[in-house]
Every structure is written in structure tokens, then in C-alpha cells.
């Protein structure tokens, strides 16, 4: 199964969503990933509008929980609790949508968290444990995503992500584009998280930045990596329908679909 993320949706509300969905279906996608970010947050008050449209096109759903201004690793308890409330709403709505999976970001660093590393690790893992509880409560599969190379971001390597998740009942979202900006050790990632990957994000880049290019427009060795990926939902995280169409064409040409 392959889906398309709403990172490729240019609209600013649900009204233009149906036309976009029609194009997604015509391109041959099986699913859509709803990214709950400005200007199209997915909430308790609007989820039905999205659900009805998606069902009318017989598409499956995955969800990417909010991440901008959200930090489950914050040493400020008010910010941390507010972040967890935002993510709980995403998990609740995902359950109502019968989403196949929900992707969440780990916490990120601050000047305080760099100074008080042990405290940061403790509150971060407490938040992840809470997400594990919410995952079970709402009956949704949650994948914590590996992050790209960027100064404040955590979990940029599979080893660090594994450290954060040790003993916590959460899955992993494997973002190949992100890993291409850090270790580029695709086999190592798959080895460390064997049996734990619940969702996959596909996009490309030059290895220097998280560019979200069409698949085949960067340097990821797709012919080598794709056959080794587990059989879980895959979603293209590109910036336009044009990039989505070109990505599908590339994947078909190399036997990746």
C-alpha cells in the first residue's frame, strides 16, 4: 500500500480537499496521510468532514500528528503537558478515522535540556511512555519518527531513537529522507528496528538538507533499499501532485511498486 501525504495539498481548508483527493485517486494511490499542521489542523470538530470525503474515494488513512510548536521533551511542564494534550487529540481523532497508523515526532532540545541532559531524558521518556498508554487507550498504532539533521532535533540516529524508546511500547516511523541527511545507514536502521517499524515515509534529498524532493531526484539508493523494507504502509512526503506523479513513475520503473 502506498499513500500520499497532504504535504502535497496546496489548499488552506477542507473545501478544496475533494478535488485534490480525486487527483490522488486518479494517480493510483491507495491512501492519504493527513498532516495535522497549519493551515489544516485535524481536530475533534472537523475530522468528520475529512473522513466523509476520504471514504467517498475508498482511500485508507494514516495521520501525522502536529509537530510545530510541540515538544514532549520540554523541561517546562506546562509546555510539555500542552504538547501531550495536542497529541492526545490527534490520537483520539485518528481512532475515529480508523487510521492505520499515527506518526509522532520525538521531543527536541533546548539550551536547558542540553545543560540538564539527564532531566531532559527522564521527562522525554515519561512523555513517550504516556503516548504508549494513549496508543493502547485509543487503539491506534503509533510510530515515533527518526529526525533529520538539524541542530535542535533529537533522535537523528537509530541508536538514539532506540535509546529513547527502550522498554516503551511504541512503534517506529522510518523516514528514509531524514536518515539520508544523518547516518545514511539504511541497513543498520532496519536491523535495529526489525519488527518494530509500523510506517514508512518516502522522499528524496541531496543528503545535505531535508528537501522532500520527488523520489529519484536525490541520492538515496532506492534500488538497494526498497526491497529490504518491511511490508507496512508507505507514504510519499513530497511537495506537490507533480512530484507525487513523478515519484510513482520512478518507483514503477525500478520495480518498487
C-alpha atoms as a PDB file:
ATOM      1  CA  UNK A   1       0.000   0.000   0.000  1.00  0.00           C
ATOM      2  CA  UNK A   2       1.248   3.463  -0.878  1.00  0.00           C
ATOM      3  CA  UNK A   3      -0.277   6.746   0.159  1.00  0.00           C
ATOM      4  CA  UNK A   4       0.296  10.434  -0.403  1.00  0.00           C
ATOM      5  CA  UNK A   5       0.813  12.974   2.358  1.00  0.00           C
ATOM      6  CA  UNK A   6      -1.085  16.241   2.487  1.00  0.00           C
ATOM      7  CA  UNK A   7       2.319  17.928   2.318  1.00  0.00           C
ATOM      8  CA  UNK A   8       1.354  17.819  -1.380  1.00  0.00           C
ATOM      9  CA  UNK A   9      -2.001  19.530  -0.727  1.00  0.00           C
ATOM     10  CA  UNK A  10      -1.872  23.279  -1.524  1.00  0.00           C
ATOM     11  CA  UNK A  11      -5.302  24.130  -0.084  1.00  0.00           C
ATOM     12  CA  UNK A  12      -5.891  26.007   3.132  1.00  0.00           C
ATOM     13  CA  UNK A  13      -9.142  24.330   4.188  1.00  0.00           C
ATOM     14  CA  UNK A  14     -11.259  21.250   3.640  1.00  0.00           C
ATOM     15  CA  UNK A  15     -13.335  22.868   0.867  1.00  0.00           C
ATOM     16  CA  UNK A  16     -10.689  22.296  -1.814  1.00  0.00           C
ATOM     17  CA  UNK A  17      -9.831  18.872  -0.452  1.00  0.00           C
ATOM     18  CA  UNK A  18     -12.232  16.845  -2.606  1.00  0.00           C
ATOM     19  CA  UNK A  19     -10.677  17.971  -5.888  1.00  0.00           C
ATOM     20  CA  UNK A  20      -7.233  17.080  -4.543  1.00  0.00           C
ATOM     21  CA  UNK A  21      -8.453  13.661  -3.385  1.00  0.00           C
ATOM     22  CA  UNK A  22      -9.842  12.958  -6.829  1.00  0.00           C
ATOM     23  CA  UNK A  23      -6.437  13.630  -8.332  1.00  0.00           C
ATOM     24  CA  UNK A  24      -4.759  11.445  -5.678  1.00  0.00           C
ATOM     25  CA  UNK A  25      -7.093   8.574  -6.525  1.00  0.00           C
ATOM     26  CA  UNK A  26      -6.576   9.007 -10.265  1.00  0.00           C
ATOM     27  CA  UNK A  27      -2.802   8.819  -9.795  1.00  0.00           C
ATOM     28  CA  UNK A  28      -3.262   5.387  -8.265  1.00  0.00           C
ATOM     29  CA  UNK A  29      -2.661   5.984  -4.561  1.00  0.00           C
ATOM     30  CA  UNK A  30      -4.277   3.673  -2.007  1.00  0.00           C
ATOM     31  CA  UNK A  31      -4.240   6.035   0.956  1.00  0.00           C
ATOM     32  CA  UNK A  32      -3.814   9.589   2.137  1.00  0.00           C
ATOM     33  CA  UNK A  33      -1.820  10.831   5.123  1.00  0.00           C
ATOM     34  CA  UNK A  34      -3.442  13.742   6.925  1.00  0.00           C
ATOM     35  CA  UNK A  35      -0.758  16.034   8.334  1.00  0.00           C
ATOM     36  CA  UNK A  36      -2.316  17.921  11.228  1.00  0.00           C
ATOM     37  CA  UNK A  37      -0.458  21.196  10.768  1.00  0.00           C
ATOM     38  CA  UNK A  38      -1.273  24.789   9.919  1.00  0.00           C
ATOM     39  CA  UNK A  39      -3.360  25.662   7.991  1.00  0.00           C
ATOM     40  CA  UNK A  40      -5.129  22.282   8.039  1.00  0.00           C
ATOM     41  CA  UNK A  41      -5.225  21.056  11.617  1.00  0.00           C
ATOM     42  CA  UNK A  42      -7.196  17.856  12.191  1.00  0.00           C
ATOM     43  CA  UNK A  43      -9.419  18.329  15.233  1.00  0.00           C
ATOM     44  CA  UNK A  44     -12.378  16.918  17.138  1.00  0.00           C
ATOM     45  CA  UNK A  45     -14.616  19.450  15.377  1.00  0.00           C
ATOM     46  CA  UNK A  46     -13.585  18.923  11.739  1.00  0.00           C
ATOM     47  CA  UNK A  47     -12.478  15.287  11.387  1.00  0.00           C
ATOM     48  CA  UNK A  48     -15.849  14.128  10.014  1.00  0.00           C
ATOM     49  CA  UNK A  49     -15.533  16.426   7.012  1.00  0.00           C
ATOM     50  CA  UNK A  50     -12.229  14.825   6.090  1.00  0.00           C
ATOM     51  CA  UNK A  51     -13.485  11.333   6.876  1.00  0.00           C
ATOM     52  CA  UNK A  52     -16.558  11.540   4.661  1.00  0.00           C
ATOM     53  CA  UNK A  53     -14.556  12.778   1.673  1.00  0.00           C
ATOM     54  CA  UNK A  54     -11.823  10.176   2.066  1.00  0.00           C
ATOM     55  CA  UNK A  55     -14.357   7.359   2.419  1.00  0.00           C
ATOM     56  CA  UNK A  56     -16.114   8.517  -0.756  1.00  0.00           C
ATOM     57  CA  UNK A  57     -12.896   7.759  -2.661  1.00  0.00           C
ATOM     58  CA  UNK A  58     -12.272   4.446  -0.870  1.00  0.00           C
ATOM     59  CA  UNK A  59      -8.892   5.564   0.397  1.00  0.00           C
ATOM     60  CA  UNK A  60      -7.224   4.356   3.569  1.00  0.00           C
ATOM     61  CA  UNK A  61      -5.968   6.907   6.107  1.00  0.00           C
ATOM     62  CA  UNK A  62      -2.802   7.493   8.096  1.00  0.00           C
ATOM     63  CA  UNK A  63      -2.198  10.543  10.277  1.00  0.00           C
ATOM     64  CA  UNK A  64       0.821  12.683  11.051  1.00  0.00           C
ATOM     65  CA  UNK A  65       0.293  14.325  14.434  1.00  0.00           C
ATOM     66  CA  UNK A  66       1.124  18.021  14.937  1.00  0.00           C
ATOM     67  CA  UNK A  67       4.789  18.830  15.437  1.00  0.00           C
ATOM     68  CA  UNK A  68       5.314  22.580  15.015  1.00  0.00           C
ATOM     69  CA  UNK A  69       5.478  24.245  18.462  1.00  0.00           C
ATOM     70  CA  UNK A  70       5.022  20.823  20.096  1.00  0.00           C
ATOM     71  CA  UNK A  71       7.731  19.497  22.409  1.00  0.00           C
ATOM     72  CA  UNK A  72       7.122  16.421  24.550  1.00  0.00           C
ATOM     73  CA  UNK A  73      10.683  16.731  25.833  1.00  0.00           C
ATOM     74  CA  UNK A  74      10.292  20.240  27.224  1.00  0.00           C
ATOM     75  CA  UNK A  75      11.597  20.814  30.748  1.00  0.00           C
ATOM     76  CA  UNK A  76       8.776  23.341  31.145  1.00  0.00           C
ATOM     77  CA  UNK A  77       5.949  21.152  32.446  1.00  0.00           C
ATOM     78  CA  UNK A  78       3.213  23.438  31.096  1.00  0.00           C
ATOM     79  CA  UNK A  79       4.604  23.258  27.566  1.00  0.00           C
ATOM     80  CA  UNK A  80       5.141  19.501  27.887  1.00  0.00           C
ATOM     81  CA  UNK A  81       1.607  18.854  29.141  1.00  0.00           C
ATOM     82  CA  UNK A  82       0.095  21.095  26.460  1.00  0.00           C
ATOM     83  CA  UNK A  83       2.063  19.156  23.848  1.00  0.00           C
ATOM     84  CA  UNK A  84       0.736  15.863  25.171  1.00  0.00           C
ATOM     85  CA  UNK A  85      -2.825  17.243  25.087  1.00  0.00           C
ATOM     86  CA  UNK A  86      -2.364  18.193  21.427  1.00  0.00           C
ATOM     87  CA  UNK A  87      -1.057  14.715  20.625  1.00  0.00           C
ATOM     88  CA  UNK A  88      -3.844  13.025  22.561  1.00  0.00           C
ATOM     89  CA  UNK A  89      -6.402  14.847  20.412  1.00  0.00           C
ATOM     90  CA  UNK A  90      -4.563  13.597  17.311  1.00  0.00           C
ATOM     91  CA  UNK A  91      -4.682  10.009  18.582  1.00  0.00           C
ATOM     92  CA  UNK A  92      -8.355  10.281  19.511  1.00  0.00           C
ATOM     93  CA  UNK A  93      -9.273  11.657  16.082  1.00  0.00           C
ATOM     94  CA  UNK A  94      -7.085   9.031  14.393  1.00  0.00           C
ATOM     95  CA  UNK A  95      -9.065   6.355  16.185  1.00  0.00           C
ATOM     96  CA  UNK A  96     -12.326   7.860  14.909  1.00  0.00           C
ATOM     97  CA  UNK A  97     -10.855   7.894  11.388  1.00  0.00           C
ATOM     98  CA  UNK A  98      -9.764   4.233  11.689  1.00  0.00           C
ATOM     99  CA  UNK A  99      -6.267   5.390  10.774  1.00  0.00           C
ATOM    100  CA  UNK A 100      -3.777   2.645  10.009  1.00  0.00           C
ATOM    101  CA  UNK A 101      -1.078   4.479  11.975  1.00  0.00           C
ATOM    102  CA  UNK A 102      -0.164   7.792  13.561  1.00  0.00           C
ATOM    103  CA  UNK A 103       3.285   9.336  13.229  1.00  0.00           C
ATOM    104  CA  UNK A 104       4.601  11.491  16.071  1.00  0.00           C
ATOM    105  CA  UNK A 105       7.850  13.382  16.485  1.00  0.00           C
ATOM    106  CA  UNK A 106      10.089  12.874  19.495  1.00  0.00           C
ATOM    107  CA  UNK A 107      10.888  15.843  21.700  1.00  0.00           C
ATOM    108  CA  UNK A 108      13.587  18.310  20.782  1.00  0.00           C
ATOM    109  CA  UNK A 109      16.403  20.051  22.587  1.00  0.00           C
ATOM    110  CA  UNK A 110      16.734  23.484  24.170  1.00  0.00           C
ATOM    111  CA  UNK A 111      19.600  25.275  25.922  1.00  0.00           C
ATOM    112  CA  UNK A 112      18.232  23.958  29.235  1.00  0.00           C
ATOM    113  CA  UNK A 113      17.892  20.386  28.005  1.00  0.00           C
ATOM    114  CA  UNK A 114      21.472  20.391  26.760  1.00  0.00           C
ATOM    115  CA  UNK A 115      22.667  21.524  30.198  1.00  0.00           C
ATOM    116  CA  UNK A 116      20.409  19.192  32.207  1.00  0.00           C
ATOM    117  CA  UNK A 117      20.666  16.160  29.964  1.00  0.00           C
ATOM    118  CA  UNK A 118      19.576  13.536  32.496  1.00  0.00           C
ATOM    119  CA  UNK A 119      16.477  15.548  33.429  1.00  0.00           C
ATOM    120  CA  UNK A 120      15.635  16.004  29.767  1.00  0.00           C
ATOM    121  CA  UNK A 121      15.986  12.295  29.047  1.00  0.00           C
ATOM    122  CA  UNK A 122      13.770  11.459  32.025  1.00  0.00           C
ATOM    123  CA  UNK A 123      10.880  13.781  31.114  1.00  0.00           C
ATOM    124  CA  UNK A 124      11.221  12.848  27.443  1.00  0.00           C
ATOM    125  CA  UNK A 125      10.851   9.147  28.171  1.00  0.00           C
ATOM    126  CA  UNK A 126       7.977   9.850  30.573  1.00  0.00           C
ATOM    127  CA  UNK A 127       6.160  11.601  27.728  1.00  0.00           C
ATOM    128  CA  UNK A 128       6.855   8.730  25.341  1.00  0.00           C
ATOM    129  CA  UNK A 129       5.538   6.281  27.949  1.00  0.00           C
ATOM    130  CA  UNK A 130       2.374   8.381  28.182  1.00  0.00           C
ATOM    131  CA  UNK A 131       1.987   8.200  24.404  1.00  0.00           C
ATOM    132  CA  UNK A 132       2.296   4.431  24.680  1.00  0.00           C
ATOM    133  CA  UNK A 133      -0.573   4.430  27.172  1.00  0.00           C
ATOM    134  CA  UNK A 134      -2.675   6.653  24.908  1.00  0.00           C
ATOM    135  CA  UNK A 135      -1.904   4.407  21.936  1.00  0.00           C
ATOM    136  CA  UNK A 136      -3.416   1.478  23.811  1.00  0.00           C
ATOM    137  CA  UNK A 137      -6.316   3.547  25.170  1.00  0.00           C
ATOM    138  CA  UNK A 138      -7.414   4.726  21.726  1.00  0.00           C
ATOM    139  CA  UNK A 139      -6.451   1.545  19.906  1.00  0.00           C
ATOM    140  CA  UNK A 140      -4.179   3.224  17.374  1.00  0.00           C
ATOM    141  CA  UNK A 141      -0.723   2.246  16.155  1.00  0.00           C
ATOM    142  CA  UNK A 142       1.830   4.968  16.885  1.00  0.00           C
ATOM    143  CA  UNK A 143       5.205   5.333  15.190  1.00  0.00           C
ATOM    144  CA  UNK A 144       7.868   7.670  16.560  1.00  0.00           C
ATOM    145  CA  UNK A 145       9.777   9.169  13.641  1.00  0.00           C
ATOM    146  CA  UNK A 146      13.536   9.463  13.174  1.00  0.00           C
ATOM    147  CA  UNK A 147      14.569  13.079  12.681  1.00  0.00           C
ATOM    148  CA  UNK A 148      16.713  14.785  10.014  1.00  0.00           C
ATOM    149  CA  UNK A 149      19.972  16.628  10.571  1.00  0.00           C
ATOM    150  CA  UNK A 150      19.122  19.883  12.329  1.00  0.00           C
ATOM    151  CA  UNK A 151      20.723  21.392  15.447  1.00  0.00           C
ATOM    152  CA  UNK A 152      17.852  21.142  17.960  1.00  0.00           C
ATOM    153  CA  UNK A 153      16.340  17.854  16.782  1.00  0.00           C
ATOM    154  CA  UNK A 154      16.713  14.624  18.761  1.00  0.00           C
ATOM    155  CA  UNK A 155      16.610  11.014  17.546  1.00  0.00           C
ATOM    156  CA  UNK A 156      18.635  11.714  14.418  1.00  0.00           C
ATOM    157  CA  UNK A 157      20.321   8.306  14.573  1.00  0.00           C
ATOM    158  CA  UNK A 158      18.709   4.889  15.008  1.00  0.00           C
ATOM    159  CA  UNK A 159      20.827   4.316  18.117  1.00  0.00           C
ATOM    160  CA  UNK A 160      19.477   7.441  19.810  1.00  0.00           C
ATOM    161  CA  UNK A 161      15.880   6.662  18.828  1.00  0.00           C
ATOM    162  CA  UNK A 162      16.305   3.133  20.205  1.00  0.00           C
ATOM    163  CA  UNK A 163      17.690   4.587  23.449  1.00  0.00           C
ATOM    164  CA  UNK A 164      14.645   6.821  23.870  1.00  0.00           C
ATOM    165  CA  UNK A 165      12.180   4.008  23.111  1.00  0.00           C
ATOM    166  CA  UNK A 166      13.817   1.237  25.127  1.00  0.00           C
ATOM    167  CA  UNK A 167      11.139  -0.567  27.146  1.00  0.00           C
ATOM    168  CA  UNK A 168       8.322   1.628  25.779  1.00  0.00           C
ATOM    169  CA  UNK A 169       5.511   0.083  23.720  1.00  0.00           C
ATOM    170  CA  UNK A 170       5.609   2.328  20.681  1.00  0.00           C
ATOM    171  CA  UNK A 171       6.423   1.609  17.060  1.00  0.00           C
ATOM    172  CA  UNK A 172       8.748   3.457  14.703  1.00  0.00           C
ATOM    173  CA  UNK A 173       8.082   5.507  11.597  1.00  0.00           C
ATOM    174  CA  UNK A 174      11.064   5.086   9.292  1.00  0.00           C
ATOM    175  CA  UNK A 175      11.679   8.265   7.296  1.00  0.00           C
ATOM    176  CA  UNK A 176      14.231   7.420   4.617  1.00  0.00           C
ATOM    177  CA  UNK A 177      14.751  11.024   3.599  1.00  0.00           C
ATOM    178  CA  UNK A 178      15.556  12.018   7.163  1.00  0.00           C
ATOM    179  CA  UNK A 179      18.084   9.215   7.565  1.00  0.00           C
ATOM    180  CA  UNK A 180      19.732  10.256   4.299  1.00  0.00           C
ATOM    181  CA  UNK A 181      20.707  13.551   5.971  1.00  0.00           C
ATOM    182  CA  UNK A 182      22.292  11.823   9.008  1.00  0.00           C
ATOM    183  CA  UNK A 183      23.911   8.361   9.025  1.00  0.00           C
ATOM    184  CA  UNK A 184      22.635   7.058   5.661  1.00  0.00           C
ATOM    185  CA  UNK A 185      22.886   3.612   7.295  1.00  0.00           C
ATOM    186  CA  UNK A 186      19.641   2.176   5.944  1.00  0.00           C
ATOM    187  CA  UNK A 187      20.563  -1.423   6.670  1.00  0.00           C
ATOM    188  CA  UNK A 188      21.574  -0.531  10.207  1.00  0.00           C
ATOM    189  CA  UNK A 189      18.253   1.191  10.829  1.00  0.00           C
ATOM    190  CA  UNK A 190      16.338  -1.829   9.556  1.00  0.00           C
ATOM    191  CA  UNK A 191      18.444  -4.138  11.692  1.00  0.00           C
ATOM    192  CA  UNK A 192      17.966  -2.140  14.903  1.00  0.00           C
ATOM    193  CA  UNK A 193      14.211  -1.770  14.445  1.00  0.00           C
ATOM    194  CA  UNK A 194      13.425  -5.138  12.878  1.00  0.00           C
ATOM    195  CA  UNK A 195       9.797  -5.953  13.666  1.00  0.00           C
ATOM    196  CA  UNK A 196       9.152  -2.511  15.150  1.00  0.00           C
ATOM    197  CA  UNK A 197       8.700  -0.342  12.044  1.00  0.00           C
ATOM    198  CA  UNK A 198       4.989   0.401  11.583  1.00  0.00           C
ATOM    199  CA  UNK A 199       5.089   3.090   8.908  1.00  0.00           C
ATOM    200  CA  UNK A 200       7.458   4.437   6.227  1.00  0.00           C
ATOM    201  CA  UNK A 201       7.924   7.909   4.715  1.00  0.00           C
ATOM    202  CA  UNK A 202       9.427   8.162   1.235  1.00  0.00           C
ATOM    203  CA  UNK A 203      11.042  11.280  -0.225  1.00  0.00           C
ATOM    204  CA  UNK A 204      14.472  12.218  -1.534  1.00  0.00           C
ATOM    205  CA  UNK A 205      17.211  14.783  -0.977  1.00  0.00           C
ATOM    206  CA  UNK A 206      20.828  15.683  -1.721  1.00  0.00           C
ATOM    207  CA  UNK A 207      21.993  14.407   1.668  1.00  0.00           C
ATOM    208  CA  UNK A 208      22.645  17.966   2.829  1.00  0.00           C
ATOM    209  CA  UNK A 209      19.145  19.031   3.909  1.00  0.00           C
ATOM    210  CA  UNK A 210      15.606  17.705   4.424  1.00  0.00           C
ATOM    211  CA  UNK A 211      14.401  18.817   0.998  1.00  0.00           C
ATOM    212  CA  UNK A 212      11.447  16.443   0.455  1.00  0.00           C
ATOM    213  CA  UNK A 213      12.217  16.036  -3.240  1.00  0.00           C
ATOM    214  CA  UNK A 214      10.463  13.617  -5.560  1.00  0.00           C
ATOM    215  CA  UNK A 215      11.724  10.059  -5.235  1.00  0.00           C
ATOM    216  CA  UNK A 216      14.607   9.657  -7.668  1.00  0.00           C
ATOM    217  CA  UNK A 217      15.586  13.345  -7.632  1.00  0.00           C
ATOM    218  CA  UNK A 218      18.174  12.900  -4.870  1.00  0.00           C
ATOM    219  CA  UNK A 219      20.860  10.424  -3.859  1.00  0.00           C
ATOM    220  CA  UNK A 220      19.008   7.739  -1.876  1.00  0.00           C
ATOM    221  CA  UNK A 221      19.911   4.297  -3.332  1.00  0.00           C
ATOM    222  CA  UNK A 222      16.308   3.274  -3.895  1.00  0.00           C
ATOM    223  CA  UNK A 223      17.066   0.126  -5.898  1.00  0.00           C
ATOM    224  CA  UNK A 224      19.064  -1.225  -2.963  1.00  0.00           C
ATOM    225  CA  UNK A 225      16.848  -0.054  -0.114  1.00  0.00           C
ATOM    226  CA  UNK A 226      13.280  -0.660  -1.304  1.00  0.00           C
ATOM    227  CA  UNK A 227      13.458  -4.485  -1.479  1.00  0.00           C
ATOM    228  CA  UNK A 228      14.607  -4.580   2.162  1.00  0.00           C
ATOM    229  CA  UNK A 229      11.743  -2.525   3.584  1.00  0.00           C
ATOM    230  CA  UNK A 230       9.056  -4.270   5.671  1.00  0.00           C
ATOM    231  CA  UNK A 231       5.542  -4.643   4.328  1.00  0.00           C
ATOM    232  CA  UNK A 232       3.962  -1.749   6.209  1.00  0.00           C
ATOM    233  CA  UNK A 233       2.110   1.308   4.845  1.00  0.00           C
ATOM    234  CA  UNK A 234       4.330   3.635   2.829  1.00  0.00           C
ATOM    235  CA  UNK A 235       3.582   7.299   2.239  1.00  0.00           C
ATOM    236  CA  UNK A 236       5.163   9.760  -0.182  1.00  0.00           C
ATOM    237  CA  UNK A 237       6.024  13.016   1.602  1.00  0.00           C
ATOM    238  CA  UNK A 238       6.572  15.339  -1.349  1.00  0.00           C
ATOM    239  CA  UNK A 239       5.542  18.920  -2.039  1.00  0.00           C
ATOM    240  CA  UNK A 240       3.130  18.678  -4.967  1.00  0.00           C
ATOM    241  CA  UNK A 241       0.984  16.367  -7.056  1.00  0.00           C
ATOM    242  CA  UNK A 242       3.521  16.762  -9.847  1.00  0.00           C
ATOM    243  CA  UNK A 243       6.280  15.435  -7.592  1.00  0.00           C
ATOM    244  CA  UNK A 244       3.970  12.649  -6.459  1.00  0.00           C
ATOM    245  CA  UNK A 245       3.284  11.584 -10.043  1.00  0.00           C
ATOM    246  CA  UNK A 246       6.971  11.670 -10.918  1.00  0.00           C
ATOM    247  CA  UNK A 247       7.806   9.654  -7.795  1.00  0.00           C
ATOM    248  CA  UNK A 248       5.276   6.984  -8.697  1.00  0.00           C
ATOM    249  CA  UNK A 249       6.677   6.782 -12.206  1.00  0.00           C
ATOM    250  CA  UNK A 250      10.196   6.346 -10.878  1.00  0.00           C
ATOM    251  CA  UNK A 251       9.117   3.678  -8.383  1.00  0.00           C
ATOM    252  CA  UNK A 252       7.299   1.750 -11.117  1.00  0.00           C
ATOM    253  CA  UNK A 253      10.329   1.973 -13.425  1.00  0.00           C
ATOM    254  CA  UNK A 254      12.634   0.401 -10.831  1.00  0.00           C
ATOM    255  CA  UNK A 255      10.098  -2.194  -9.704  1.00  0.00           C
ATOM    256  CA  UNK A 256       9.429  -0.509  -6.392  1.00  0.00           C
ATOM    257  CA  UNK A 257       5.629  -0.783  -6.622  1.00  0.00           C
END
